[in-house]
Amino acid sequence: MAPRRTTRSTADQETVNVTTVTNAQLQAMIDQGVTAALAARDALRSTNGDD
């Protein structure tokens, strides 16, 4: 008996949303994250009583 052939439907492909980000925009987001992280660290350091 010959093996059965199967077919795949390509109708169920996922839709991917793409957002283009320039290097300057990416660097600005990184800088914002670093600034927020440093501010949070400084806030914790000033409240722990070790300073």
Protein backbone atom coordinates (compact mmCIF):
# COMPACT_ATOMS: atom_id res chain seq x y z
CA MET A 1 0.00 0.00 0.00
CA ALA A 2 1.39 3.39 -0.99
CA PRO A 3 1.88 6.01 1.74
CA ARG A 4 -0.75 8.73 1.97
CA ARG A 5 0.19 12.18 0.85
CA THR A 6 -0.75 15.06 3.07
CA THR A 7 -1.16 18.67 2.12
CA ARG A 8 -0.72 21.71 4.29
CA SER A 9 -2.93 24.72 4.14
CA THR A 10 -1.19 28.09 4.16
CA ALA A 11 -4.38 29.98 5.00
CA ASP A 12 -3.69 29.92 8.75
CA GLN A 13 -0.45 31.90 8.71
CA GLU A 14 0.09 34.39 11.51
CA THR A 15 0.05 38.10 10.84
CA VAL A 16 3.18 39.83 12.08
CA ASN A 17 3.09 43.54 12.89
CA VAL A 18 6.40 45.26 12.26
CA THR A 19 7.36 48.63 13.68
CA THR A 20 10.45 50.28 12.26
CA VAL A 21 12.69 51.94 14.84
CA THR A 22 15.64 54.13 13.92
CA ASN A 23 18.94 53.86 15.75
CA ALA A 24 18.31 57.25 17.37
CA GLN A 25 14.89 56.14 18.64
CA LEU A 26 16.34 52.91 19.98
CA GLN A 27 19.15 54.76 21.75
CA ALA A 28 16.62 57.17 23.29
CA MET A 29 14.59 54.24 24.66
CA ILE A 30 17.72 52.64 26.10
CA ASP A 31 18.74 55.93 27.70
CA GLN A 32 15.29 56.32 29.26
CA GLY A 33 15.48 52.83 30.71
CA VAL A 34 18.97 53.40 32.10
CA THR A 35 17.91 56.73 33.62
CA ALA A 36 14.87 55.12 35.26
CA ALA A 37 16.95 52.22 36.60
CA LEU A 38 19.56 54.56 38.08
CA ALA A 39 16.86 56.71 39.68
CA ALA A 40 15.26 53.64 41.25
CA ARG A 41 18.64 52.45 42.53
CA ASP A 42 19.41 55.87 44.01
CA ALA A 43 16.00 55.97 45.70
CA LEU A 44 16.63 52.58 47.32
CA ARG A 45 20.13 53.54 48.42
CA SER A 46 18.88 56.68 50.13
CA THR A 47 16.22 54.79 52.13
CA ASN A 48 18.22 51.82 53.38
CA GLY A 49 20.06 53.70 56.13
CA ASP A 50 23.55 52.69 55.03
CA ASP A 51 24.47 56.11 53.63
